[in-house]
Amino acid sequence: MSVPNIQWLLDRDYLDICYGNPEDNAMTKALVTSLTPYQIIHWRNRLLTEGFTSSDDKGVVYFVVGSVAFCKNINKVLGDYVDMNRVITLLPNEVVNYSHYSHMAPLNLRLNKVGFMLPLGEIVNLGADVIKNLTGYECGVFFKCDYGLKSAESEFVTWDKLTQWLDYTEKHTGCSLNSLFWLFPYQPIDKEYRFAIVDGEVVSGSQYMDFNVSIMEPAISVDIPPGAKSVAVEISKQLCIKDDAYILDVALVSGEYRLIECNAISSSGWYAMDHDALCRSINEKVLSIAMELSL
């Protein structure tokens, strides 16, 4: 059996948000360095608008990188142009739900140790006063959608802003009244770090937020304290996740490193991680999957 050729399909909107100029950024430069062909896909309303040219090479296997919506709808975007059996997204199965894996991390390595989980509709029914009495949280509540491939961002909401947050979440995200949300107390985070896990191994990491600076924006840095990586390695072993690849986020809180959450590697910003190493590792993983499937 011949060895498949890997080609990456990049969501133009995702590149604009995470990387800027799609022809001059860390991801596309790494693909050029590794001699990996790629195409930048333009799409709207689940339809291809431009950017894809099908290959006459029957040995091509496509790896999809982009927003959750792009990856989940890739069958509809490209179904008329390519054999979808040859398209791989690496969207996770096990880290999709926070409740599936969080309990496997030791309490001392978790940012959120104790919380409540309620449907969005029940949060609407109960309202701020009842939830405040139920939880005992004084200043507000940190909401996290249990479903990881979500449109609703995790965020802290003060009690006086709860109605506004509920209205926005119901009308302008991918969540419904049946969507389950975790309710956690406020945690003062100093910094956040992101690590890429491929085949159970930490491939690279990057700092992506520093809450000690006055301007609330990404604080990207290649400087990873040894303790942060050590905790990421330990947590990845404790979680026993079987997904081929995923992202693991770690917070620095009062001098200690703790798990925030896990996410899809193909739909999360890579920031200052080693893009060359990531591209090589992912290509090896995609090639391995393709060989197993006899593509």
C-alpha atoms as a PDB file:
ATOM      1  CA  MET A   1       0.000   0.000   0.000  1.00  0.00           C
ATOM      2  CA  SER A   2       1.365   3.433  -0.970  1.00  0.00           C
ATOM      3  CA  VAL A   3       1.939   6.085   1.684  1.00  0.00           C
ATOM      4  CA  PRO A   4      -0.796   8.793   1.616  1.00  0.00           C
ATOM      5  CA  ASN A   5       0.099  12.421   0.947  1.00  0.00           C
ATOM      6  CA  ILE A   6      -1.088  14.834   3.645  1.00  0.00           C
ATOM      7  CA  GLN A   7      -2.658  18.161   2.685  1.00  0.00           C
ATOM      8  CA  TRP A   8      -4.040  20.694   5.197  1.00  0.00           C
ATOM      9  CA  LEU A   9      -7.316  22.544   4.662  1.00  0.00           C
ATOM     10  CA  LEU A  10      -7.284  25.839   6.579  1.00  0.00           C
ATOM     11  CA  ASP A  11     -10.383  27.840   7.501  1.00  0.00           C
ATOM     12  CA  ARG A  12      -9.739  31.409   6.285  1.00  0.00           C
ATOM     13  CA  ASP A  13     -11.881  32.919   9.056  1.00  0.00           C
ATOM     14  CA  TYR A  14      -9.967  30.939  11.705  1.00  0.00           C
ATOM     15  CA  LEU A  15      -6.649  32.163  10.312  1.00  0.00           C
ATOM     16  CA  ASP A  16      -7.867  35.762  10.354  1.00  0.00           C
ATOM     17  CA  ILE A  17      -8.886  35.496  14.014  1.00  0.00           C
ATOM     18  CA  CYS A  18      -5.940  33.488  15.338  1.00  0.00           C
ATOM     19  CA  TYR A  19      -3.046  34.328  13.053  1.00  0.00           C
ATOM     20  CA  GLY A  20      -3.668  37.383  10.892  1.00  0.00           C
ATOM     21  CA  ASN A  21      -2.265  37.412   7.351  1.00  0.00           C
ATOM     22  CA  PRO A  22      -2.799  33.824   6.146  1.00  0.00           C
ATOM     23  CA  GLU A  23       0.219  33.979   3.842  1.00  0.00           C
ATOM     24  CA  ASP A  24       2.618  35.205   6.517  1.00  0.00           C
ATOM     25  CA  ASN A  25       1.981  33.506   9.866  1.00  0.00           C
ATOM     26  CA  ALA A  26       3.466  30.832  12.059  1.00  0.00           C
ATOM     27  CA  MET A  27       1.134  28.042  10.944  1.00  0.00           C
ATOM     28  CA  THR A  28       1.479  28.465   7.178  1.00  0.00           C
ATOM     29  CA  LYS A  29       5.227  29.080   7.509  1.00  0.00           C
ATOM     30  CA  ALA A  30       5.551  25.815   9.437  1.00  0.00           C
ATOM     31  CA  LEU A  31       3.621  23.989   6.716  1.00  0.00           C
ATOM     32  CA  VAL A  32       5.963  25.411   4.077  1.00  0.00           C
ATOM     33  CA  THR A  33       8.985  24.368   6.166  1.00  0.00           C
ATOM     34  CA  SER A  34       7.666  20.820   6.491  1.00  0.00           C
ATOM     35  CA  LEU A  35       6.826  20.739   2.754  1.00  0.00           C
ATOM     36  CA  THR A  36       3.155  20.141   3.621  1.00  0.00           C
ATOM     37  CA  PRO A  37       0.731  21.397   0.949  1.00  0.00           C
ATOM     38  CA  TYR A  38      -2.214  23.441   2.190  1.00  0.00           C
ATOM     39  CA  GLN A  39      -5.277  25.231   0.862  1.00  0.00           C
ATOM     40  CA  ILE A  40      -7.073  28.176   2.473  1.00  0.00           C
ATOM     41  CA  ILE A  41     -10.825  27.621   2.368  1.00  0.00           C
ATOM     42  CA  HIS A  42     -13.422  30.388   2.127  1.00  0.00           C
ATOM     43  CA  TRP A  43     -16.933  29.345   3.168  1.00  0.00           C
ATOM     44  CA  ARG A  44     -20.261  30.796   4.240  1.00  0.00           C
ATOM     45  CA  ASN A  45     -23.480  29.190   5.448  1.00  0.00           C
ATOM     46  CA  ARG A  46     -21.940  25.707   5.224  1.00  0.00           C
ATOM     47  CA  LEU A  47     -21.100  26.231   1.551  1.00  0.00           C
ATOM     48  CA  LEU A  48     -17.720  26.512  -0.171  1.00  0.00           C
ATOM     49  CA  THR A  49     -17.246  29.943  -1.731  1.00  0.00           C
ATOM     50  CA  GLU A  50     -13.648  29.666  -2.941  1.00  0.00           C
ATOM     51  CA  GLY A  51     -10.232  28.270  -2.146  1.00  0.00           C
ATOM     52  CA  PHE A  52     -10.490  24.526  -2.772  1.00  0.00           C
ATOM     53  CA  THR A  53      -9.035  22.643  -5.731  1.00  0.00           C
ATOM     54  CA  SER A  54      -9.549  18.899  -5.751  1.00  0.00           C
ATOM     55  CA  SER A  55      -6.483  16.772  -6.400  1.00  0.00           C
ATOM     56  CA  ASP A  56      -6.094  14.117  -9.084  1.00  0.00           C
ATOM     57  CA  ASP A  57      -3.873  12.283  -6.618  1.00  0.00           C
ATOM     58  CA  LYS A  58      -6.072   9.536  -5.155  1.00  0.00           C
ATOM     59  CA  GLY A  59      -3.576   9.160  -2.304  1.00  0.00           C
ATOM     60  CA  VAL A  60      -4.227  12.582  -0.797  1.00  0.00           C
ATOM     61  CA  VAL A  61      -5.566  12.704   2.782  1.00  0.00           C
ATOM     62  CA  TYR A  62      -6.868  16.050   4.016  1.00  0.00           C
ATOM     63  CA  PHE A  63      -6.452  17.384   7.561  1.00  0.00           C
ATOM     64  CA  VAL A  64      -8.895  20.128   8.571  1.00  0.00           C
ATOM     65  CA  VAL A  65      -7.921  23.105  10.766  1.00  0.00           C
ATOM     66  CA  GLY A  66     -10.411  25.813  11.655  1.00  0.00           C
ATOM     67  CA  SER A  67     -13.280  26.892  13.822  1.00  0.00           C
ATOM     68  CA  VAL A  68     -15.471  24.277  15.492  1.00  0.00           C
ATOM     69  CA  ALA A  69     -18.246  25.179  13.040  1.00  0.00           C
ATOM     70  CA  PHE A  70     -15.899  24.672  10.075  1.00  0.00           C
ATOM     71  CA  CYS A  71     -14.637  21.306  11.304  1.00  0.00           C
ATOM     72  CA  LYS A  72     -18.106  20.038  12.219  1.00  0.00           C
ATOM     73  CA  ASN A  73     -19.619  21.144   8.895  1.00  0.00           C
ATOM     74  CA  ILE A  74     -16.738  20.121   6.634  1.00  0.00           C
ATOM     75  CA  ASN A  75     -18.889  17.343   5.092  1.00  0.00           C
ATOM     76  CA  LYS A  76     -21.368  19.949   3.870  1.00  0.00           C
ATOM     77  CA  VAL A  77     -18.677  22.425   2.839  1.00  0.00           C
ATOM     78  CA  LEU A  78     -16.639  19.966   0.753  1.00  0.00           C
ATOM     79  CA  GLY A  79     -18.919  16.932   0.325  1.00  0.00           C
ATOM     80  CA  ASP A  80     -19.518  17.682  -3.355  1.00  0.00           C
ATOM     81  CA  TYR A  81     -15.819  18.015  -4.131  1.00  0.00           C
ATOM     82  CA  VAL A  82     -13.910  15.282  -2.330  1.00  0.00           C
ATOM     83  CA  ASP A  83     -14.261  11.781  -0.896  1.00  0.00           C
ATOM     84  CA  MET A  84     -15.033  12.627   2.742  1.00  0.00           C
ATOM     85  CA  ASN A  85     -13.556   9.308   3.894  1.00  0.00           C
ATOM     86  CA  ARG A  86     -10.214  10.944   3.141  1.00  0.00           C
ATOM     87  CA  VAL A  87     -10.864  13.973   5.371  1.00  0.00           C
ATOM     88  CA  ILE A  88      -9.643  13.952   9.001  1.00  0.00           C
ATOM     89  CA  THR A  89     -10.517  16.644  11.562  1.00  0.00           C
ATOM     90  CA  LEU A  90      -9.049  15.253  14.816  1.00  0.00           C
ATOM     91  CA  LEU A  91     -12.111  16.607  16.612  1.00  0.00           C
ATOM     92  CA  PRO A  92     -11.986  14.876  20.004  1.00  0.00           C
ATOM     93  CA  ASN A  93     -14.435  12.375  21.438  1.00  0.00           C
ATOM     94  CA  GLU A  94     -13.371  12.271  25.089  1.00  0.00           C
ATOM     95  CA  VAL A  95     -12.536  15.906  25.857  1.00  0.00           C
ATOM     96  CA  VAL A  96     -15.798  17.108  24.296  1.00  0.00           C
ATOM     97  CA  ASN A  97     -17.490  17.165  27.716  1.00  0.00           C
ATOM     98  CA  TYR A  98     -15.744  18.655  30.745  1.00  0.00           C
ATOM     99  CA  SER A  99     -17.682  16.266  32.994  1.00  0.00           C
ATOM    100  CA  HIS A 100     -16.173  13.308  31.129  1.00  0.00           C
ATOM    101  CA  TYR A 101     -12.587  13.969  32.174  1.00  0.00           C
ATOM    102  CA  SER A 102     -12.371  16.621  34.920  1.00  0.00           C
ATOM    103  CA  HIS A 103     -12.994  14.198  37.784  1.00  0.00           C
ATOM    104  CA  MET A 104      -9.926  12.170  36.753  1.00  0.00           C
ATOM    105  CA  ALA A 105      -7.611  15.061  37.621  1.00  0.00           C
ATOM    106  CA  PRO A 106      -6.599  15.160  41.309  1.00  0.00           C
ATOM    107  CA  LEU A 107      -8.361  17.902  43.277  1.00  0.00           C
ATOM    108  CA  ASN A 108      -5.080  19.682  44.010  1.00  0.00           C
ATOM    109  CA  LEU A 109      -4.417  19.990  40.258  1.00  0.00           C
ATOM    110  CA  ARG A 110      -7.859  21.377  39.339  1.00  0.00           C
ATOM    111  CA  LEU A 111      -8.652  25.074  39.065  1.00  0.00           C
ATOM    112  CA  ASN A 112     -12.343  24.389  39.722  1.00  0.00           C
ATOM    113  CA  LYS A 113     -12.657  21.868  42.527  1.00  0.00           C
ATOM    114  CA  VAL A 114     -16.338  22.165  43.475  1.00  0.00           C
ATOM    115  CA  GLY A 115     -19.223  23.345  41.334  1.00  0.00           C
ATOM    116  CA  PHE A 116     -22.821  22.852  40.293  1.00  0.00           C
ATOM    117  CA  MET A 117     -24.168  21.849  36.882  1.00  0.00           C
ATOM    118  CA  LEU A 118     -27.567  23.065  35.658  1.00  0.00           C
ATOM    119  CA  PRO A 119     -29.378  23.309  32.307  1.00  0.00           C
ATOM    120  CA  LEU A 120     -29.397  26.817  30.907  1.00  0.00           C
ATOM    121  CA  GLY A 121     -33.194  26.795  31.133  1.00  0.00           C
ATOM    122  CA  GLU A 122     -33.074  26.082  34.869  1.00  0.00           C
ATOM    123  CA  ILE A 123     -30.619  28.934  35.381  1.00  0.00           C
ATOM    124  CA  VAL A 124     -33.154  31.156  33.634  1.00  0.00           C
ATOM    125  CA  ASN A 125     -35.958  29.836  35.872  1.00  0.00           C
ATOM    126  CA  LEU A 126     -34.068  30.243  39.151  1.00  0.00           C
ATOM    127  CA  GLY A 127     -32.591  33.693  38.595  1.00  0.00           C
ATOM    128  CA  ALA A 128     -29.731  35.481  40.346  1.00  0.00           C
ATOM    129  CA  ASP A 129     -31.081  35.575  43.911  1.00  0.00           C
ATOM    130  CA  VAL A 130     -31.911  31.864  44.139  1.00  0.00           C
ATOM    131  CA  ILE A 131     -28.653  30.774  42.496  1.00  0.00           C
ATOM    132  CA  LYS A 132     -26.649  33.079  44.769  1.00  0.00           C
ATOM    133  CA  ASN A 133     -28.290  31.483  47.835  1.00  0.00           C
ATOM    134  CA  LEU A 134     -27.874  27.995  46.371  1.00  0.00           C
ATOM    135  CA  THR A 135     -24.179  28.367  45.572  1.00  0.00           C
ATOM    136  CA  GLY A 136     -23.076  30.789  48.263  1.00  0.00           C
ATOM    137  CA  TYR A 137     -20.976  32.629  45.668  1.00  0.00           C
ATOM    138  CA  GLU A 138     -20.790  36.261  46.755  1.00  0.00           C
ATOM    139  CA  CYS A 139     -19.746  38.402  43.797  1.00  0.00           C
ATOM    140  CA  GLY A 140     -20.933  36.316  40.861  1.00  0.00           C
ATOM    141  CA  VAL A 141     -20.479  32.997  39.102  1.00  0.00           C
ATOM    142  CA  PHE A 142     -18.094  31.519  36.549  1.00  0.00           C
ATOM    143  CA  PHE A 143     -20.083  29.772  33.806  1.00  0.00           C
ATOM    144  CA  LYS A 144     -18.599  26.970  31.754  1.00  0.00           C
ATOM    145  CA  CYS A 145     -20.549  25.039  29.142  1.00  0.00           C
ATOM    146  CA  ASP A 146     -20.023  21.321  29.748  1.00  0.00           C
ATOM    147  CA  TYR A 147     -19.945  20.684  26.003  1.00  0.00           C
ATOM    148  CA  GLY A 148     -16.480  21.637  24.823  1.00  0.00           C
ATOM    149  CA  LEU A 149     -17.267  22.175  21.131  1.00  0.00           C
ATOM    150  CA  LYS A 150     -19.466  25.113  22.019  1.00  0.00           C
ATOM    151  CA  SER A 151     -20.153  28.629  20.882  1.00  0.00           C
ATOM    152  CA  ALA A 152     -20.547  29.978  24.425  1.00  0.00           C
ATOM    153  CA  GLU A 153     -17.279  31.139  25.959  1.00  0.00           C
ATOM    154  CA  SER A 154     -16.491  30.356  29.583  1.00  0.00           C
ATOM    155  CA  GLU A 155     -16.724  33.570  31.578  1.00  0.00           C
ATOM    156  CA  PHE A 156     -17.265  35.135  34.979  1.00  0.00           C
ATOM    157  CA  VAL A 157     -20.608  36.947  35.318  1.00  0.00           C
ATOM    158  CA  THR A 158     -21.510  39.260  38.193  1.00  0.00           C
ATOM    159  CA  TRP A 159     -24.994  38.823  39.627  1.00  0.00           C
ATOM    160  CA  ASP A 160     -26.267  42.131  38.247  1.00  0.00           C
ATOM    161  CA  LYS A 161     -25.256  41.044  34.711  1.00  0.00           C
ATOM    162  CA  LEU A 162     -26.814  37.568  34.864  1.00  0.00           C
ATOM    163  CA  THR A 163     -30.017  38.415  32.975  1.00  0.00           C
ATOM    164  CA  GLN A 164     -28.010  40.087  30.217  1.00  0.00           C
ATOM    165  CA  TRP A 165     -25.670  37.069  29.963  1.00  0.00           C
ATOM    166  CA  LEU A 166     -28.587  34.618  29.839  1.00  0.00           C
ATOM    167  CA  ASP A 167     -30.307  36.569  27.076  1.00  0.00           C
ATOM    168  CA  TYR A 168     -27.143  36.711  24.972  1.00  0.00           C
ATOM    169  CA  THR A 169     -26.244  33.049  25.543  1.00  0.00           C
ATOM    170  CA  GLU A 170     -29.710  31.827  24.546  1.00  0.00           C
ATOM    171  CA  LYS A 171     -30.031  34.012  21.443  1.00  0.00           C
ATOM    172  CA  HIS A 172     -26.517  34.394  20.072  1.00  0.00           C
ATOM    173  CA  THR A 173     -24.580  31.189  20.793  1.00  0.00           C
ATOM    174  CA  GLY A 174     -24.927  27.557  19.844  1.00  0.00           C
ATOM    175  CA  CYS A 175     -26.475  26.758  23.221  1.00  0.00           C
ATOM    176  CA  SER A 176     -30.100  25.888  23.911  1.00  0.00           C
ATOM    177  CA  LEU A 177     -32.088  25.858  27.145  1.00  0.00           C
ATOM    178  CA  ASN A 178     -31.124  22.171  27.449  1.00  0.00           C
ATOM    179  CA  SER A 179     -27.377  22.920  27.340  1.00  0.00           C
ATOM    180  CA  LEU A 180     -25.645  22.034  30.595  1.00  0.00           C
ATOM    181  CA  PHE A 181     -23.510  24.651  32.332  1.00  0.00           C
ATOM    182  CA  TRP A 182     -21.092  24.364  35.222  1.00  0.00           C
ATOM    183  CA  LEU A 183     -21.331  27.056  37.907  1.00  0.00           C
ATOM    184  CA  PHE A 184     -18.027  27.701  39.664  1.00  0.00           C
ATOM    185  CA  PRO A 185     -16.881  30.355  42.165  1.00  0.00           C
ATOM    186  CA  TYR A 186     -14.561  33.159  41.096  1.00  0.00           C
ATOM    187  CA  GLN A 187     -10.879  32.171  40.921  1.00  0.00           C
ATOM    188  CA  PRO A 188      -8.137  34.848  40.683  1.00  0.00           C
ATOM    189  CA  ILE A 189      -5.841  33.586  37.903  1.00  0.00           C
ATOM    190  CA  ASP A 190      -2.365  35.042  37.382  1.00  0.00           C
ATOM    191  CA  LYS A 191      -1.389  33.477  34.044  1.00  0.00           C
ATOM    192  CA  GLU A 192      -2.642  30.854  31.597  1.00  0.00           C
ATOM    193  CA  TYR A 193      -0.636  28.348  29.574  1.00  0.00           C
ATOM    194  CA  ARG A 194      -1.645  26.167  26.657  1.00  0.00           C
ATOM    195  CA  PHE A 195      -0.154  22.766  25.826  1.00  0.00           C
ATOM    196  CA  ALA A 196      -0.621  20.554  22.779  1.00  0.00           C
ATOM    197  CA  ILE A 197      -0.975  16.822  23.444  1.00  0.00           C
ATOM    198  CA  VAL A 198      -0.441  14.373  20.579  1.00  0.00           C
ATOM    199  CA  ASP A 199      -0.502  10.626  21.198  1.00  0.00           C
ATOM    200  CA  GLY A 200      -0.462  11.298  24.930  1.00  0.00           C
ATOM    201  CA  GLU A 201       2.731  13.355  24.822  1.00  0.00           C
ATOM    202  CA  VAL A 202       3.164  17.095  25.425  1.00  0.00           C
ATOM    203  CA  VAL A 203       4.532  18.382  22.108  1.00  0.00           C
ATOM    204  CA  SER A 204       4.721  22.102  22.831  1.00  0.00           C
ATOM    205  CA  GLY A 205       3.391  24.876  25.051  1.00  0.00           C
ATOM    206  CA  SER A 206       2.829  28.618  25.184  1.00  0.00           C
ATOM    207  CA  GLN A 207       1.766  31.263  27.651  1.00  0.00           C
ATOM    208  CA  TYR A 208      -1.315  32.989  26.272  1.00  0.00           C
ATOM    209  CA  MET A 209      -2.654  35.216  29.057  1.00  0.00           C
ATOM    210  CA  ASP A 210      -1.222  37.340  31.857  1.00  0.00           C
ATOM    211  CA  PHE A 211      -3.856  38.809  34.156  1.00  0.00           C
ATOM    212  CA  ASN A 212      -1.278  40.934  35.978  1.00  0.00           C
ATOM    213  CA  VAL A 213      -1.007  43.376  33.065  1.00  0.00           C
ATOM    214  CA  SER A 214      -3.371  46.329  32.881  1.00  0.00           C
ATOM    215  CA  ILE A 215      -4.689  45.629  29.367  1.00  0.00           C
ATOM    216  CA  MET A 216      -6.908  42.547  29.044  1.00  0.00           C
ATOM    217  CA  GLU A 217      -5.493  40.954  25.897  1.00  0.00           C
ATOM    218  CA  PRO A 218      -3.447  37.856  25.024  1.00  0.00           C
ATOM    219  CA  ALA A 219       0.038  37.949  26.534  1.00  0.00           C
ATOM    220  CA  ILE A 220       1.786  35.453  24.282  1.00  0.00           C
ATOM    221  CA  SER A 221       5.171  34.095  25.304  1.00  0.00           C
ATOM    222  CA  VAL A 222       7.365  31.108  24.539  1.00  0.00           C
ATOM    223  CA  ASP A 223       8.643  31.144  28.127  1.00  0.00           C
ATOM    224  CA  ILE A 224       7.108  28.136  29.869  1.00  0.00           C
ATOM    225  CA  PRO A 225       8.067  27.582  33.513  1.00  0.00           C
ATOM    226  CA  PRO A 226       9.218  23.999  34.114  1.00  0.00           C
ATOM    227  CA  GLY A 227       6.527  23.619  36.751  1.00  0.00           C
ATOM    228  CA  ALA A 228       3.761  24.429  34.263  1.00  0.00           C
ATOM    229  CA  LYS A 229       4.931  21.783  31.806  1.00  0.00           C
ATOM    230  CA  SER A 230       5.445  19.226  34.574  1.00  0.00           C
ATOM    231  CA  VAL A 231       1.863  19.705  35.733  1.00  0.00           C
ATOM    232  CA  ALA A 232       0.599  19.470  32.134  1.00  0.00           C
ATOM    233  CA  VAL A 233       2.449  16.167  31.732  1.00  0.00           C
ATOM    234  CA  GLU A 234       1.110  14.852  35.056  1.00  0.00           C
ATOM    235  CA  ILE A 235      -2.467  15.891  34.272  1.00  0.00           C
ATOM    236  CA  SER A 236      -2.344  14.345  30.792  1.00  0.00           C
ATOM    237  CA  LYS A 237      -1.299  11.033  32.377  1.00  0.00           C
ATOM    238  CA  GLN A 238      -3.997  11.247  35.051  1.00  0.00           C
ATOM    239  CA  LEU A 239      -6.773  11.983  32.551  1.00  0.00           C
ATOM    240  CA  CYS A 240      -6.075   8.855  30.467  1.00  0.00           C
ATOM    241  CA  ILE A 241      -7.580  10.563  27.408  1.00  0.00           C
ATOM    242  CA  LYS A 242      -7.584   8.367  24.305  1.00  0.00           C
ATOM    243  CA  ASP A 243      -8.145  11.203  21.825  1.00  0.00           C
ATOM    244  CA  ASP A 244      -5.371  11.315  19.227  1.00  0.00           C
ATOM    245  CA  ALA A 245      -4.646  14.985  19.908  1.00  0.00           C
ATOM    246  CA  TYR A 246      -6.043  17.759  22.072  1.00  0.00           C
ATOM    247  CA  ILE A 247      -5.250  21.020  23.869  1.00  0.00           C
ATOM    248  CA  LEU A 248      -4.733  21.219  27.643  1.00  0.00           C
ATOM    249  CA  ASP A 249      -4.928  24.617  29.374  1.00  0.00           C
ATOM    250  CA  VAL A 250      -3.215  25.261  32.725  1.00  0.00           C
ATOM    251  CA  ALA A 251      -3.627  28.223  35.080  1.00  0.00           C
ATOM    252  CA  LEU A 252      -1.130  29.737  37.507  1.00  0.00           C
ATOM    253  CA  VAL A 253      -2.985  30.511  40.727  1.00  0.00           C
ATOM    254  CA  SER A 254      -1.126  31.747  43.821  1.00  0.00           C
ATOM    255  CA  GLY A 255       2.069  30.020  42.722  1.00  0.00           C
ATOM    256  CA  GLU A 256       0.394  26.699  41.837  1.00  0.00           C
ATOM    257  CA  TYR A 257      -0.440  25.250  38.407  1.00  0.00           C
ATOM    258  CA  ARG A 258      -3.906  23.800  37.858  1.00  0.00           C
ATOM    259  CA  LEU A 259      -6.025  22.353  35.052  1.00  0.00           C
ATOM    260  CA  ILE A 260      -8.495  24.740  33.411  1.00  0.00           C
ATOM    261  CA  GLU A 261      -9.907  22.609  30.597  1.00  0.00           C
ATOM    262  CA  CYS A 262      -9.166  20.638  27.444  1.00  0.00           C
ATOM    263  CA  ASN A 263     -10.149  21.526  23.865  1.00  0.00           C
ATOM    264  CA  ALA A 264      -9.846  20.413  20.237  1.00  0.00           C
ATOM    265  CA  ILE A 265      -6.348  20.861  18.816  1.00  0.00           C
ATOM    266  CA  SER A 266      -7.665  21.725  15.348  1.00  0.00           C
ATOM    267  CA  SER A 267      -9.903  24.545  16.629  1.00  0.00           C
ATOM    268  CA  SER A 268      -7.767  26.177  19.326  1.00  0.00           C
ATOM    269  CA  GLY A 269      -5.198  28.942  18.951  1.00  0.00           C
ATOM    270  CA  TRP A 270      -1.611  27.678  18.993  1.00  0.00           C
ATOM    271  CA  TYR A 271      -0.167  31.062  20.051  1.00  0.00           C
ATOM    272  CA  ALA A 272       3.619  30.831  20.532  1.00  0.00           C
ATOM    273  CA  MET A 273       3.817  27.052  20.546  1.00  0.00           C
ATOM    274  CA  ASP A 274       6.398  25.394  18.319  1.00  0.00           C
ATOM    275  CA  HIS A 275       4.409  25.254  15.085  1.00  0.00           C
ATOM    276  CA  ASP A 276       7.094  23.234  13.292  1.00  0.00           C
ATOM    277  CA  ALA A 277       7.011  20.523  15.967  1.00  0.00           C
ATOM    278  CA  LEU A 278       3.202  20.568  16.027  1.00  0.00           C
ATOM    279  CA  CYS A 279       2.896  20.261  12.258  1.00  0.00           C
ATOM    280  CA  ARG A 280       5.312  17.334  12.237  1.00  0.00           C
ATOM    281  CA  SER A 281       3.528  15.551  15.097  1.00  0.00           C
ATOM    282  CA  ILE A 282       0.086  16.072  13.579  1.00  0.00           C
ATOM    283  CA  ASN A 283       1.231  14.938  10.151  1.00  0.00           C
ATOM    284  CA  GLU A 284       2.616  11.767  11.714  1.00  0.00           C
ATOM    285  CA  LYS A 285      -0.681  11.199  13.559  1.00  0.00           C
ATOM    286  CA  VAL A 286      -2.839  11.858  10.483  1.00  0.00           C
ATOM    287  CA  LEU A 287      -0.607   9.580   8.412  1.00  0.00           C
ATOM    288  CA  SER A 288      -0.912   6.850  11.050  1.00  0.00           C
ATOM    289  CA  ILE A 289      -4.713   7.159  11.059  1.00  0.00           C
ATOM    290  CA  ALA A 290      -4.820   7.088   7.264  1.00  0.00           C
ATOM    291  CA  MET A 291      -2.662   3.956   7.157  1.00  0.00           C
ATOM    292  CA  GLU A 292      -4.859   2.242   9.747  1.00  0.00           C
ATOM    293  CA  LEU A 293      -7.939   3.071   7.655  1.00  0.00           C
ATOM    294  CA  SER A 294      -6.151   1.917   4.482  1.00  0.00           C
ATOM    295  CA  LEU A 295      -6.810   5.262   2.815  1.00  0.00           C
END
